[in-house]
């Protein structure tokens, strides 16, 4: 939380170790906890030991399927390799909401929609001369405008503030070459 400067986390991706799972559940109960795909592939390799299974497991894990399609493909996979009684495989299915794209996609799409909405609003506000975001870049831009004799036009960006663009004029009224 210190590293996030007090901001609330929305998502944590881990290797799925039980100690980390418990810590996430206890410390961040509202945070979405996902499993890292690389670790899942490695675990599939070590727990099942069949490269063909690992390949198909990865394909189903990362596939952009609707939930009913994912379920059907999962059943086909398990039957194909005869893994109905394999504890690791059954546990993975129980935790599908933590790793399967089919189950993660719904939340992801809501996040993308929300970010697009915020970006649209920020863009609208920016075009109507309302500052949306202030950064320390303005100081750097002002320094460049005050200390560099010529600023090539290719370096003056549309997003530069009006104050900085006006600083491109010398006090004598002589406009710098742009």
N, C-alpha and C. Protein backbone atom coordinates (compact mmCIF):
# COMPACT_ATOMS: atom_id res chain seq x y z
N UNK A 1 0.84 -1.19 0.00
CA UNK A 1 0.00 0.00 0.00
C UNK A 1 0.88 1.25 0.00
N UNK A 2 2.03 1.15 0.65
CA UNK A 2 2.96 2.27 0.65
C UNK A 2 3.43 2.57 -0.77
N UNK A 3 3.78 1.51 -1.52
CA UNK A 3 4.25 1.68 -2.89
C UNK A 3 3.17 2.30 -3.77
N UNK A 4 1.92 2.07 -3.46
CA UNK A 4 0.82 2.61 -4.25
C UNK A 4 0.38 3.97 -3.74
N UNK A 5 1.12 4.52 -2.75
CA UNK A 5 0.83 5.85 -2.19
C UNK A 5 -0.60 5.94 -1.68
N UNK A 6 -1.06 4.85 -1.03
CA UNK A 6 -2.37 4.85 -0.41
C UNK A 6 -3.52 4.52 -1.35
N UNK A 7 -3.23 4.39 -2.65
CA UNK A 7 -4.31 4.06 -3.58
C UNK A 7 -4.75 2.62 -3.38
N UNK A 8 -6.02 2.39 -3.57
CA UNK A 8 -6.57 1.06 -3.42
C UNK A 8 -6.21 0.22 -4.65
N UNK A 9 -5.74 -0.98 -4.42
CA UNK A 9 -5.44 -1.89 -5.51
C UNK A 9 -6.74 -2.43 -6.09
N UNK A 10 -6.73 -2.75 -7.36
CA UNK A 10 -7.89 -3.36 -7.98
C UNK A 10 -7.60 -4.78 -8.42
N UNK A 11 -6.32 -5.10 -8.63
CA UNK A 11 -5.96 -6.41 -9.15
C UNK A 11 -4.57 -6.78 -8.68
N UNK A 12 -4.40 -8.06 -8.32
CA UNK A 12 -3.09 -8.60 -7.97
C UNK A 12 -2.92 -9.89 -8.77
N UNK A 13 -1.78 -10.02 -9.42
CA UNK A 13 -1.46 -11.23 -10.17
C UNK A 13 -0.28 -11.89 -9.47
N UNK A 14 -0.46 -13.16 -9.07
CA UNK A 14 0.59 -13.88 -8.36
C UNK A 14 0.79 -15.26 -8.95
N UNK A 15 1.75 -15.99 -8.36
CA UNK A 15 2.01 -17.35 -8.81
C UNK A 15 1.04 -18.35 -8.18
N UNK A 16 0.22 -17.92 -7.25
CA UNK A 16 -0.79 -18.79 -6.65
C UNK A 16 -0.33 -19.53 -5.41
N UNK A 17 0.86 -19.20 -4.89
CA UNK A 17 1.33 -19.85 -3.67
C UNK A 17 0.32 -19.61 -2.55
N UNK A 18 0.08 -20.61 -1.74
CA UNK A 18 -0.95 -20.55 -0.71
C UNK A 18 -0.71 -19.41 0.28
N UNK A 19 0.55 -19.17 0.66
CA UNK A 19 0.85 -18.09 1.60
C UNK A 19 0.46 -16.73 1.00
N UNK A 20 0.73 -16.55 -0.29
CA UNK A 20 0.38 -15.29 -0.95
C UNK A 20 -1.14 -15.18 -1.08
N UNK A 21 -1.79 -16.27 -1.44
CA UNK A 21 -3.26 -16.25 -1.54
C UNK A 21 -3.89 -15.83 -0.22
N UNK A 22 -3.41 -16.40 0.87
CA UNK A 22 -3.96 -16.06 2.18
C UNK A 22 -3.69 -14.60 2.52
N UNK A 23 -2.49 -14.12 2.22
CA UNK A 23 -2.16 -12.72 2.50
C UNK A 23 -3.05 -11.78 1.68
N UNK A 24 -3.24 -12.09 0.41
CA UNK A 24 -4.10 -11.26 -0.45
C UNK A 24 -5.52 -11.25 0.10
N UNK A 25 -6.02 -12.43 0.46
CA UNK A 25 -7.39 -12.53 0.99
C UNK A 25 -7.53 -11.73 2.29
N UNK A 26 -6.52 -11.78 3.17
CA UNK A 26 -6.61 -11.11 4.46
C UNK A 26 -6.36 -9.61 4.38
N UNK A 27 -5.36 -9.21 3.59
CA UNK A 27 -4.97 -7.80 3.54
C UNK A 27 -5.78 -7.02 2.51
N UNK A 28 -6.11 -7.63 1.39
CA UNK A 28 -6.84 -6.97 0.32
C UNK A 28 -8.09 -7.77 -0.04
N UNK A 29 -9.06 -7.84 0.83
CA UNK A 29 -10.23 -8.70 0.57
C UNK A 29 -11.06 -8.28 -0.65
N UNK A 30 -11.01 -7.03 -1.04
CA UNK A 30 -11.82 -6.55 -2.16
C UNK A 30 -11.08 -6.60 -3.49
N UNK A 31 -9.81 -6.97 -3.48
CA UNK A 31 -8.98 -6.95 -4.69
C UNK A 31 -9.19 -8.24 -5.49
N UNK A 32 -9.24 -8.09 -6.80
CA UNK A 32 -9.32 -9.27 -7.66
C UNK A 32 -7.95 -9.92 -7.70
N UNK A 33 -7.92 -11.21 -7.46
CA UNK A 33 -6.67 -11.96 -7.44
C UNK A 33 -6.64 -12.88 -8.65
N UNK A 34 -5.63 -12.72 -9.49
CA UNK A 34 -5.49 -13.53 -10.69
C UNK A 34 -4.19 -14.33 -10.61
N UNK A 35 -4.14 -15.40 -11.38
CA UNK A 35 -2.96 -16.25 -11.41
C UNK A 35 -2.16 -15.97 -12.68
N UNK A 36 -0.86 -15.93 -12.53
CA UNK A 36 0.06 -15.62 -13.61
C UNK A 36 0.12 -16.80 -14.57
N UNK A 37 -0.11 -16.55 -15.86
CA UNK A 37 -0.20 -17.60 -16.87
C UNK A 37 1.08 -18.43 -16.95
N UNK A 38 2.23 -17.81 -16.85
CA UNK A 38 3.49 -18.54 -16.96
C UNK A 38 3.57 -19.64 -15.90
N UNK A 39 3.17 -19.32 -14.67
CA UNK A 39 3.20 -20.31 -13.60
C UNK A 39 2.19 -21.43 -13.86
N UNK A 40 1.04 -21.09 -14.39
CA UNK A 40 0.05 -22.11 -14.69
C UNK A 40 0.55 -23.10 -15.75
N UNK A 41 1.21 -22.58 -16.76
CA UNK A 41 1.77 -23.44 -17.80
C UNK A 41 2.84 -24.35 -17.20
N UNK A 42 3.69 -23.78 -16.38
CA UNK A 42 4.74 -24.57 -15.73
C UNK A 42 4.12 -25.64 -14.83
N UNK A 43 3.07 -25.27 -14.09
CA UNK A 43 2.41 -26.24 -13.22
C UNK A 43 1.69 -27.32 -14.02
N UNK A 44 1.12 -26.96 -15.15
CA UNK A 44 0.47 -27.96 -16.01
C UNK A 44 1.50 -28.96 -16.50
N UNK A 45 2.67 -28.46 -16.86
CA UNK A 45 3.74 -29.33 -17.34
C UNK A 45 4.19 -30.29 -16.24
N UNK A 46 4.38 -29.78 -15.03
CA UNK A 46 4.89 -30.63 -13.95
C UNK A 46 3.80 -31.54 -13.37
N UNK A 47 2.55 -31.12 -13.35
CA UNK A 47 1.50 -31.94 -12.75
C UNK A 47 0.90 -32.98 -13.68
N UNK A 48 0.87 -32.69 -14.97
CA UNK A 48 0.30 -33.64 -15.92
C UNK A 48 1.41 -34.34 -16.70
N UNK A 49 2.44 -33.62 -17.04
CA UNK A 49 3.59 -34.23 -17.70
C UNK A 49 3.38 -34.63 -19.14
N UNK A 50 2.44 -33.98 -19.82
CA UNK A 50 2.17 -34.29 -21.21
C UNK A 50 2.20 -32.98 -22.00
N UNK A 51 3.21 -32.80 -22.86
CA UNK A 51 3.31 -31.55 -23.62
C UNK A 51 2.07 -31.24 -24.45
N UNK A 52 1.40 -32.26 -24.96
CA UNK A 52 0.19 -32.03 -25.74
C UNK A 52 -0.91 -31.44 -24.86
N UNK A 53 -1.00 -31.93 -23.62
CA UNK A 53 -1.98 -31.36 -22.68
C UNK A 53 -1.63 -29.91 -22.38
N UNK A 54 -0.34 -29.66 -22.09
CA UNK A 54 0.08 -28.29 -21.76
C UNK A 54 -0.25 -27.33 -22.89
N UNK A 55 0.00 -27.76 -24.11
CA UNK A 55 -0.29 -26.92 -25.28
C UNK A 55 -1.79 -26.59 -25.35
N UNK A 56 -2.62 -27.61 -25.20
CA UNK A 56 -4.07 -27.39 -25.29
C UNK A 56 -4.61 -26.63 -24.08
N UNK A 57 -4.03 -26.88 -22.91
CA UNK A 57 -4.42 -26.14 -21.71
C UNK A 57 -4.14 -24.65 -21.89
N UNK A 58 -2.97 -24.34 -22.42
CA UNK A 58 -2.60 -22.94 -22.67
C UNK A 58 -3.57 -22.30 -23.66
N UNK A 59 -3.90 -23.04 -24.69
CA UNK A 59 -4.82 -22.53 -25.72
C UNK A 59 -6.20 -22.23 -25.11
N UNK A 60 -6.69 -23.13 -24.26
CA UNK A 60 -7.99 -22.90 -23.62
C UNK A 60 -7.90 -21.76 -22.60
N UNK A 61 -6.79 -21.70 -21.86
CA UNK A 61 -6.61 -20.66 -20.85
C UNK A 61 -6.63 -19.26 -21.49
N UNK A 62 -5.93 -19.10 -22.58
CA UNK A 62 -5.79 -17.79 -23.20
C UNK A 62 -6.82 -17.52 -24.29
N UNK A 63 -7.60 -18.52 -24.66
CA UNK A 63 -8.58 -18.36 -25.73
C UNK A 63 -9.68 -17.37 -25.36
N UNK A 64 -10.11 -16.64 -26.35
CA UNK A 64 -11.16 -15.63 -26.15
C UNK A 64 -12.52 -16.28 -26.42
N UNK A 65 -12.96 -17.08 -25.45
CA UNK A 65 -14.21 -17.83 -25.59
C UNK A 65 -15.30 -17.27 -24.68
N UNK A 66 -16.53 -17.49 -25.08
CA UNK A 66 -17.64 -17.26 -24.17
C UNK A 66 -17.60 -18.38 -23.13
N UNK A 67 -18.20 -18.17 -21.97
CA UNK A 67 -18.13 -19.15 -20.88
C UNK A 67 -18.66 -20.53 -21.28
N UNK A 68 -19.81 -20.64 -21.95
CA UNK A 68 -20.27 -21.99 -22.33
C UNK A 68 -19.29 -22.72 -23.26
N UNK A 69 -18.64 -21.98 -24.15
CA UNK A 69 -17.67 -22.59 -25.06
C UNK A 69 -16.45 -23.05 -24.26
N UNK A 70 -16.01 -22.21 -23.32
CA UNK A 70 -14.88 -22.60 -22.46
C UNK A 70 -15.20 -23.89 -21.72
N UNK A 71 -16.37 -23.98 -21.13
CA UNK A 71 -16.74 -25.19 -20.37
C UNK A 71 -16.73 -26.43 -21.27
N UNK A 72 -17.26 -26.29 -22.46
CA UNK A 72 -17.30 -27.43 -23.38
C UNK A 72 -15.88 -27.85 -23.76
N UNK A 73 -15.03 -26.87 -24.07
CA UNK A 73 -13.65 -27.18 -24.44
C UNK A 73 -12.89 -27.81 -23.27
N UNK A 74 -13.18 -27.36 -22.05
CA UNK A 74 -12.53 -27.92 -20.87
C UNK A 74 -12.90 -29.41 -20.71
N UNK A 75 -14.17 -29.72 -20.83
CA UNK A 75 -14.63 -31.11 -20.71
C UNK A 75 -13.96 -31.96 -21.78
N UNK A 76 -13.89 -31.47 -23.00
CA UNK A 76 -13.25 -32.20 -24.09
C UNK A 76 -11.77 -32.46 -23.78
N UNK A 77 -11.10 -31.44 -23.24
CA UNK A 77 -9.68 -31.57 -22.90
C UNK A 77 -9.46 -32.64 -21.84
N UNK A 78 -10.25 -32.59 -20.79
CA UNK A 78 -10.10 -33.54 -19.68
C UNK A 78 -10.40 -34.96 -20.14
N UNK A 79 -11.43 -35.12 -20.95
CA UNK A 79 -11.77 -36.45 -21.47
C UNK A 79 -10.70 -36.97 -22.43
N UNK A 80 -10.18 -36.10 -23.27
CA UNK A 80 -9.16 -36.51 -24.24
C UNK A 80 -7.93 -37.09 -23.56
N UNK A 81 -7.54 -36.49 -22.42
CA UNK A 81 -6.33 -36.94 -21.73
C UNK A 81 -6.64 -37.82 -20.51
N UNK A 82 -7.90 -38.13 -20.27
CA UNK A 82 -8.28 -39.00 -19.17
C UNK A 82 -7.87 -38.46 -17.80
N UNK A 83 -8.14 -37.19 -17.56
CA UNK A 83 -7.68 -36.54 -16.33
C UNK A 83 -8.82 -36.22 -15.36
N UNK A 84 -9.93 -36.94 -15.48
CA UNK A 84 -11.09 -36.64 -14.65
C UNK A 84 -10.79 -36.75 -13.16
N UNK A 85 -9.86 -37.62 -12.75
CA UNK A 85 -9.56 -37.85 -11.34
C UNK A 85 -8.27 -37.18 -10.88
N UNK A 86 -7.68 -36.35 -11.71
CA UNK A 86 -6.42 -35.69 -11.36
C UNK A 86 -6.71 -34.48 -10.47
N UNK A 87 -6.24 -34.48 -9.21
CA UNK A 87 -6.56 -33.38 -8.28
C UNK A 87 -6.15 -32.00 -8.79
N UNK A 88 -4.96 -31.89 -9.38
CA UNK A 88 -4.51 -30.57 -9.85
C UNK A 88 -5.46 -30.03 -10.92
N UNK A 89 -5.88 -30.89 -11.83
CA UNK A 89 -6.78 -30.49 -12.92
C UNK A 89 -8.13 -30.05 -12.35
N UNK A 90 -8.66 -30.82 -11.40
CA UNK A 90 -9.94 -30.46 -10.80
C UNK A 90 -9.84 -29.15 -10.03
N UNK A 91 -8.73 -28.94 -9.34
CA UNK A 91 -8.51 -27.69 -8.62
C UNK A 91 -8.43 -26.51 -9.58
N UNK A 92 -7.76 -26.70 -10.71
CA UNK A 92 -7.66 -25.63 -11.71
C UNK A 92 -9.03 -25.24 -12.23
N UNK A 93 -9.88 -26.23 -12.44
CA UNK A 93 -11.22 -25.90 -12.93
C UNK A 93 -12.00 -25.11 -11.88
N UNK A 94 -11.84 -25.48 -10.62
CA UNK A 94 -12.52 -24.75 -9.54
C UNK A 94 -12.04 -23.30 -9.47
N UNK A 95 -10.80 -23.05 -9.87
CA UNK A 95 -10.22 -21.71 -9.80
C UNK A 95 -10.20 -21.00 -11.15
N UNK A 96 -11.01 -21.45 -12.08
CA UNK A 96 -11.00 -20.90 -13.44
C UNK A 96 -11.24 -19.40 -13.48
N UNK A 97 -11.97 -18.88 -12.51
CA UNK A 97 -12.23 -17.43 -12.46
C UNK A 97 -10.95 -16.63 -12.21
N UNK A 98 -9.88 -17.31 -11.80
CA UNK A 98 -8.62 -16.63 -11.52
C UNK A 98 -7.65 -16.68 -12.70
N UNK A 99 -7.96 -17.44 -13.74
CA UNK A 99 -6.99 -17.57 -14.83
C UNK A 99 -7.59 -17.67 -16.24
N UNK A 100 -8.81 -18.10 -16.38
CA UNK A 100 -9.37 -18.30 -17.71
C UNK A 100 -9.87 -16.98 -18.29
N UNK A 101 -9.42 -16.69 -19.49
CA UNK A 101 -9.82 -15.45 -20.17
C UNK A 101 -11.33 -15.32 -20.26
N UNK A 102 -12.02 -16.44 -20.44
CA UNK A 102 -13.49 -16.41 -20.54
C UNK A 102 -14.11 -15.79 -19.29
N UNK A 103 -13.51 -16.01 -18.13
CA UNK A 103 -14.07 -15.48 -16.88
C UNK A 103 -13.49 -14.12 -16.52
N UNK A 104 -12.30 -13.83 -16.99
CA UNK A 104 -11.66 -12.55 -16.69
C UNK A 104 -12.14 -11.46 -17.64
N UNK A 105 -12.51 -11.84 -18.85
CA UNK A 105 -12.86 -10.89 -19.90
C UNK A 105 -13.97 -9.93 -19.48
N UNK A 106 -14.98 -10.43 -18.80
CA UNK A 106 -16.12 -9.58 -18.43
C UNK A 106 -15.65 -8.38 -17.61
N UNK A 107 -14.82 -8.63 -16.60
CA UNK A 107 -14.30 -7.53 -15.78
C UNK A 107 -13.39 -6.63 -16.61
N UNK A 108 -12.55 -7.23 -17.45
CA UNK A 108 -11.63 -6.47 -18.26
C UNK A 108 -12.39 -5.52 -19.19
N UNK A 109 -13.44 -6.01 -19.82
CA UNK A 109 -14.22 -5.18 -20.74
C UNK A 109 -14.86 -4.00 -20.01
N UNK A 110 -15.33 -4.23 -18.77
CA UNK A 110 -15.89 -3.12 -17.99
C UNK A 110 -14.81 -2.09 -17.70
N UNK A 111 -13.60 -2.53 -17.37
CA UNK A 111 -12.49 -1.61 -17.08
C UNK A 111 -12.13 -0.80 -18.32
N UNK A 112 -12.04 -1.47 -19.47
CA UNK A 112 -11.71 -0.77 -20.71
C UNK A 112 -12.78 0.26 -21.03
N UNK A 113 -14.04 -0.09 -20.88
CA UNK A 113 -15.12 0.86 -21.14
C UNK A 113 -15.02 2.07 -20.22
N UNK A 114 -14.73 1.82 -18.96
CA UNK A 114 -14.60 2.91 -18.00
C UNK A 114 -13.42 3.82 -18.36
N UNK A 115 -12.28 3.23 -18.74
CA UNK A 115 -11.12 4.03 -19.13
C UNK A 115 -11.39 4.84 -20.39
N UNK A 116 -12.10 4.24 -21.34
CA UNK A 116 -12.44 4.98 -22.57
C UNK A 116 -13.36 6.16 -22.24
N UNK A 117 -14.30 5.94 -21.35
CA UNK A 117 -15.20 7.02 -20.95
C UNK A 117 -14.41 8.15 -20.29
N UNK A 118 -13.49 7.81 -19.38
CA UNK A 118 -12.69 8.83 -18.72
C UNK A 118 -11.80 9.56 -19.72
N UNK A 119 -11.23 8.83 -20.68
CA UNK A 119 -10.39 9.45 -21.69
C UNK A 119 -11.21 10.41 -22.56
N UNK A 120 -12.42 10.00 -22.92
CA UNK A 120 -13.29 10.86 -23.72
C UNK A 120 -13.59 12.15 -22.96
N UNK A 121 -13.92 12.02 -21.67
CA UNK A 121 -14.21 13.22 -20.88
C UNK A 121 -13.00 14.12 -20.75
N UNK A 122 -11.82 13.54 -20.51
CA UNK A 122 -10.60 14.33 -20.38
C UNK A 122 -10.28 15.03 -21.70
N UNK A 123 -10.47 14.34 -22.81
CA UNK A 123 -10.24 14.94 -24.11
C UNK A 123 -11.19 16.11 -24.35
N UNK A 124 -12.46 15.92 -23.99
CA UNK A 124 -13.44 16.98 -24.14
C UNK A 124 -13.05 18.20 -23.30
N UNK A 125 -12.67 17.96 -22.05
CA UNK A 125 -12.29 19.06 -21.16
C UNK A 125 -11.04 19.76 -21.69
N UNK A 126 -10.09 19.01 -22.21
CA UNK A 126 -8.85 19.61 -22.72
C UNK A 126 -9.11 20.50 -23.92
N UNK A 127 -10.03 20.11 -24.78
CA UNK A 127 -10.30 20.92 -25.97
C UNK A 127 -11.06 22.19 -25.63
N UNK A 128 -11.60 22.25 -24.42
CA UNK A 128 -12.31 23.46 -24.00
C UNK A 128 -11.50 24.26 -23.00
N UNK A 129 -10.17 24.14 -23.07
CA UNK A 129 -9.21 24.94 -22.30
C UNK A 129 -9.30 24.74 -20.80
N UNK A 130 -9.79 23.63 -20.36
CA UNK A 130 -9.79 23.32 -18.93
C UNK A 130 -8.64 22.34 -18.68
N UNK A 131 -7.65 22.72 -17.88
CA UNK A 131 -6.55 21.79 -17.64
C UNK A 131 -7.05 20.52 -16.95
N UNK A 132 -6.71 19.39 -17.52
CA UNK A 132 -7.14 18.13 -16.95
C UNK A 132 -6.03 17.51 -16.11
N UNK A 133 -4.81 17.61 -16.60
CA UNK A 133 -3.71 17.00 -15.88
C UNK A 133 -2.55 17.98 -15.84
N UNK A 134 -1.95 18.12 -14.69
CA UNK A 134 -0.79 18.98 -14.58
C UNK A 134 0.40 18.13 -14.21
N UNK A 135 1.49 18.32 -14.91
CA UNK A 135 2.69 17.56 -14.63
C UNK A 135 3.87 18.50 -14.52
N UNK A 136 5.01 17.97 -14.15
CA UNK A 136 6.21 18.79 -14.05
C UNK A 136 6.80 19.07 -15.42
N UNK A 137 6.20 18.52 -16.47
CA UNK A 137 6.70 18.75 -17.83
C UNK A 137 6.61 20.22 -18.19
N UNK A 138 5.63 20.92 -17.64
CA UNK A 138 5.49 22.35 -17.96
C UNK A 138 6.77 23.10 -17.59
N UNK A 139 7.38 22.76 -16.47
CA UNK A 139 8.63 23.41 -16.07
C UNK A 139 9.73 23.15 -17.09
N UNK A 140 9.83 21.94 -17.55
CA UNK A 140 10.83 21.59 -18.55
C UNK A 140 10.55 22.33 -19.86
N UNK A 141 9.30 22.39 -20.26
CA UNK A 141 8.94 23.09 -21.49
C UNK A 141 9.26 24.59 -21.36
N UNK A 142 8.94 25.17 -20.21
CA UNK A 142 9.22 26.60 -19.99
C UNK A 142 10.72 26.86 -20.03
N UNK A 143 11.51 25.97 -19.39
CA UNK A 143 12.96 26.12 -19.40
C UNK A 143 13.48 26.09 -20.83
N UNK A 144 12.99 25.16 -21.63
CA UNK A 144 13.41 25.06 -23.03
C UNK A 144 13.05 26.33 -23.78
N UNK A 145 11.85 26.85 -23.53
CA UNK A 145 11.41 28.06 -24.22
C UNK A 145 12.24 29.28 -23.83
N UNK A 146 12.71 29.32 -22.57
CA UNK A 146 13.45 30.49 -22.09
C UNK A 146 14.95 30.42 -22.35
N UNK A 147 15.51 29.23 -22.52
CA UNK A 147 16.96 29.10 -22.59
C UNK A 147 17.50 28.61 -23.92
N UNK A 148 16.65 28.20 -24.78
CA UNK A 148 17.11 27.73 -26.08
C UNK A 148 16.75 28.79 -27.10
N UNK A 149 17.73 29.20 -27.90
CA UNK A 149 17.50 30.29 -28.85
C UNK A 149 16.46 29.93 -29.90
N UNK A 150 16.56 28.75 -30.45
CA UNK A 150 15.59 28.33 -31.46
C UNK A 150 15.01 26.98 -31.08
N UNK A 151 13.74 26.88 -31.21
CA UNK A 151 13.08 25.60 -30.98
C UNK A 151 12.45 25.20 -32.31
N UNK A 152 12.92 24.10 -32.87
CA UNK A 152 12.34 23.68 -34.16
C UNK A 152 10.85 23.39 -34.00
N UNK A 153 10.07 23.70 -35.01
CA UNK A 153 8.62 23.46 -34.94
C UNK A 153 8.27 22.02 -34.60
N UNK A 154 9.09 21.09 -35.01
CA UNK A 154 8.78 19.68 -34.75
C UNK A 154 8.82 19.35 -33.26
N UNK A 155 9.47 20.20 -32.46
CA UNK A 155 9.56 19.95 -31.03
C UNK A 155 8.47 20.64 -30.22
N UNK A 156 7.74 21.55 -30.82
CA UNK A 156 6.65 22.23 -30.12
C UNK A 156 5.40 21.38 -30.31
N UNK A 157 4.92 20.84 -29.23
CA UNK A 157 3.77 19.94 -29.30
C UNK A 157 2.47 20.68 -29.09
N UNK A 158 1.41 20.17 -29.69
CA UNK A 158 0.09 20.77 -29.54
C UNK A 158 -0.35 20.82 -28.09
N UNK A 159 0.08 19.84 -27.30
CA UNK A 159 -0.37 19.77 -25.92
C UNK A 159 0.35 20.76 -25.00
N UNK A 160 1.38 21.49 -25.51
CA UNK A 160 2.05 22.47 -24.67
C UNK A 160 1.03 23.50 -24.21
N UNK A 161 1.16 23.92 -22.99
CA UNK A 161 0.22 24.88 -22.44
C UNK A 161 0.36 26.24 -23.11
N UNK A 162 -0.69 27.04 -23.00
CA UNK A 162 -0.66 28.38 -23.58
C UNK A 162 0.43 29.23 -22.93
N UNK A 163 0.65 29.05 -21.62
CA UNK A 163 1.69 29.81 -20.92
C UNK A 163 3.07 29.52 -21.49
N UNK A 164 3.33 28.27 -21.76
CA UNK A 164 4.64 27.91 -22.29
C UNK A 164 4.80 28.42 -23.71
N UNK A 165 3.76 28.28 -24.51
CA UNK A 165 3.85 28.77 -25.88
C UNK A 165 4.07 30.28 -25.90
N UNK A 166 3.44 30.99 -24.97
CA UNK A 166 3.65 32.45 -24.93
C UNK A 166 5.05 32.79 -24.45
N UNK A 167 5.69 31.90 -23.68
CA UNK A 167 7.06 32.14 -23.22
C UNK A 167 8.06 32.02 -24.35
N UNK A 168 7.62 31.53 -25.50
CA UNK A 168 8.51 31.45 -26.64
C UNK A 168 8.83 32.84 -27.19
N UNK A 169 8.07 33.84 -26.76
CA UNK A 169 8.33 35.22 -27.16
C UNK A 169 9.32 35.86 -26.18
N UNK A 170 10.31 36.53 -26.71
CA UNK A 170 11.26 37.23 -25.84
C UNK A 170 10.56 38.44 -25.21
N UNK A 171 11.14 38.93 -24.13
CA UNK A 171 10.60 40.13 -23.48
C UNK A 171 10.63 41.32 -24.43
N UNK A 172 11.56 41.32 -25.37
CA UNK A 172 11.67 42.43 -26.32
C UNK A 172 10.58 42.39 -27.37
N UNK A 173 9.81 41.32 -27.38
CA UNK A 173 8.76 41.21 -28.37
C UNK A 173 9.18 40.45 -29.60
N UNK A 174 10.47 40.12 -29.66
CA UNK A 174 10.98 39.36 -30.80
C UNK A 174 10.54 37.90 -30.65
N UNK A 175 9.89 37.39 -31.66
CA UNK A 175 9.41 36.01 -31.62
C UNK A 175 10.52 35.08 -32.04
N UNK A 176 10.72 34.04 -31.27
CA UNK A 176 11.75 33.08 -31.62
C UNK A 176 11.33 32.30 -32.85
N UNK A 177 12.31 31.80 -33.56
CA UNK A 177 12.05 31.06 -34.78
C UNK A 177 11.44 29.73 -34.42
N UNK A 178 10.33 29.42 -35.04
CA UNK A 178 9.66 28.14 -34.82
C UNK A 178 9.48 27.42 -36.13
